[in-house]
Amino acid sequence: MKQLIAACIAAMLASAAFAAAPDAAPAAKTAQQTKMTTCNADAAGKKGDERKAFMKECLSAKPAPAVAMTQQDKMKACNADAAGKKGDERKAFMKSCLSAPKK
């Protein structure tokens, strides 16, 4: 009987030590986990069937395809990057920036 009690106590101490041990570094979130976190935050305030429908739509949505930068957007970006440049330096920078392949 004493052996049984000693074994139970040892098992409890071992499990308590295991539970108290700090976990290894948490694994990085998968894309689906990240999507779930985002959709869950966006669903704040929704309840019941409305929330269920929203979550279904949000989680099944495909990411929007990357849109190529328009020439006007490229001009704005290059103009912002050229701030502080003057004269020939600015002209050369704008030429190379605007002729670079679209992203």
Protein backbone atom coordinates (compact mmCIF):
# COMPACT_ATOMS: atom_id res chain seq x y z
CA MET A 1 0.00 0.00 0.00
CA LYS A 2 2.82 2.38 0.88
CA GLN A 3 4.44 1.59 -2.46
CA LEU A 4 1.21 2.39 -4.31
CA ILE A 5 0.86 5.74 -2.54
CA ALA A 6 4.54 6.54 -3.17
CA ALA A 7 4.10 5.68 -6.87
CA CYS A 8 1.00 7.90 -7.11
CA ILE A 9 2.80 10.80 -5.46
CA ALA A 10 5.81 10.36 -7.76
CA ALA A 11 3.54 10.29 -10.80
CA MET A 12 1.75 13.47 -9.67
CA LEU A 13 5.04 15.27 -9.07
CA ALA A 14 6.36 14.21 -12.46
CA SER A 15 3.22 15.38 -14.25
CA ALA A 16 3.26 18.68 -12.33
CA ALA A 17 6.89 19.25 -13.29
CA PHE A 18 6.10 18.45 -16.92
CA ALA A 19 3.12 20.84 -16.94
CA ALA A 20 5.18 23.62 -15.35
CA ALA A 21 8.06 23.27 -17.84
CA PRO A 22 8.11 26.14 -20.31
CA ASP A 23 7.15 25.16 -23.81
CA ALA A 24 9.61 25.38 -26.62
CA ALA A 25 9.28 28.39 -28.89
CA PRO A 26 5.78 28.39 -30.38
CA ALA A 27 5.61 27.30 -33.99
CA ALA A 28 4.93 29.99 -36.58
CA LYS A 29 1.29 30.36 -37.53
CA THR A 30 0.20 28.77 -40.76
CA ALA A 31 -1.52 30.82 -43.44
CA GLN A 32 -4.87 29.31 -42.43
CA GLN A 33 -4.30 30.19 -38.76
CA THR A 34 -3.42 33.76 -39.71
CA LYS A 35 -6.52 33.96 -41.89
CA MET A 36 -8.65 32.61 -39.02
CA THR A 37 -7.26 35.24 -36.66
CA THR A 38 -7.96 38.03 -39.15
CA CYS A 39 -11.49 36.83 -39.96
CA ASN A 40 -12.25 36.38 -36.27
CA ALA A 41 -11.20 39.96 -35.54
CA ASP A 42 -13.28 41.24 -38.48
CA ALA A 43 -16.33 39.33 -37.19
CA ALA A 44 -16.39 41.26 -33.93
CA GLY A 45 -19.93 42.31 -33.09
CA LYS A 46 -21.59 39.68 -35.29
CA LYS A 47 -23.58 36.90 -33.63
CA GLY A 48 -25.35 33.69 -34.54
CA ASP A 49 -26.14 32.98 -38.19
CA GLU A 50 -24.72 36.34 -39.31
CA ARG A 51 -21.33 35.49 -37.77
CA LYS A 52 -21.42 31.95 -39.12
CA ALA A 53 -22.13 33.19 -42.67
CA PHE A 54 -19.45 35.88 -42.40
CA MET A 55 -16.80 33.44 -41.17
CA LYS A 56 -17.65 30.96 -43.93
CA GLU A 57 -17.31 33.66 -46.58
CA CYS A 58 -14.16 35.16 -45.05
CA LEU A 59 -12.34 31.85 -44.61
CA SER A 60 -13.19 30.60 -48.10
CA ALA A 61 -12.19 33.85 -49.83
CA LYS A 62 -9.15 33.72 -52.07
CA PRO A 63 -6.54 36.46 -51.68
CA ALA A 64 -6.90 39.28 -54.17
CA PRO A 65 -4.49 39.00 -57.09
CA ALA A 66 -1.64 41.47 -57.11
CA VAL A 67 -2.50 44.40 -59.33
CA ALA A 68 0.21 45.82 -61.54
CA MET A 69 1.16 49.38 -60.73
CA THR A 70 -0.37 51.90 -63.17
CA GLN A 71 1.81 54.52 -64.82
CA GLN A 72 0.14 57.19 -62.69
CA ASP A 73 0.90 55.26 -59.48
CA LYS A 74 4.47 54.76 -60.66
CA MET A 75 4.82 58.50 -61.31
CA LYS A 76 3.57 59.29 -57.79
CA ALA A 77 5.96 56.79 -56.21
CA CYS A 78 8.96 58.00 -58.21
CA ASN A 79 8.09 61.61 -57.46
CA ALA A 80 7.97 60.88 -53.74
CA ASP A 81 11.31 59.03 -53.91
CA ALA A 82 12.88 61.94 -55.81
CA ALA A 83 12.21 64.40 -52.99
CA GLY A 84 15.33 66.43 -52.28
CA LYS A 85 16.92 65.82 -55.69
CA LYS A 86 17.29 68.77 -58.09
CA GLY A 87 18.33 69.42 -61.66
CA ASP A 88 20.18 66.75 -63.60
CA GLU A 89 20.27 64.40 -60.61
CA ARG A 90 16.44 64.46 -60.37
CA LYS A 91 16.03 64.10 -64.13
CA ALA A 92 18.32 61.04 -64.23
CA PHE A 93 16.60 59.50 -61.22
CA MET A 94 13.10 60.00 -62.66
CA LYS A 95 14.16 58.54 -66.01
CA SER A 96 15.54 55.37 -64.42
CA CYS A 97 12.68 55.08 -61.95
CA LEU A 98 9.93 55.47 -64.56
CA SER A 99 11.60 53.12 -67.04
CA ALA A 100 12.08 50.37 -64.46
CA PRO A 101 9.82 47.31 -64.94
CA LYS A 102 6.41 47.55 -63.29
CA LYS A 103 6.04 45.70 -60.01
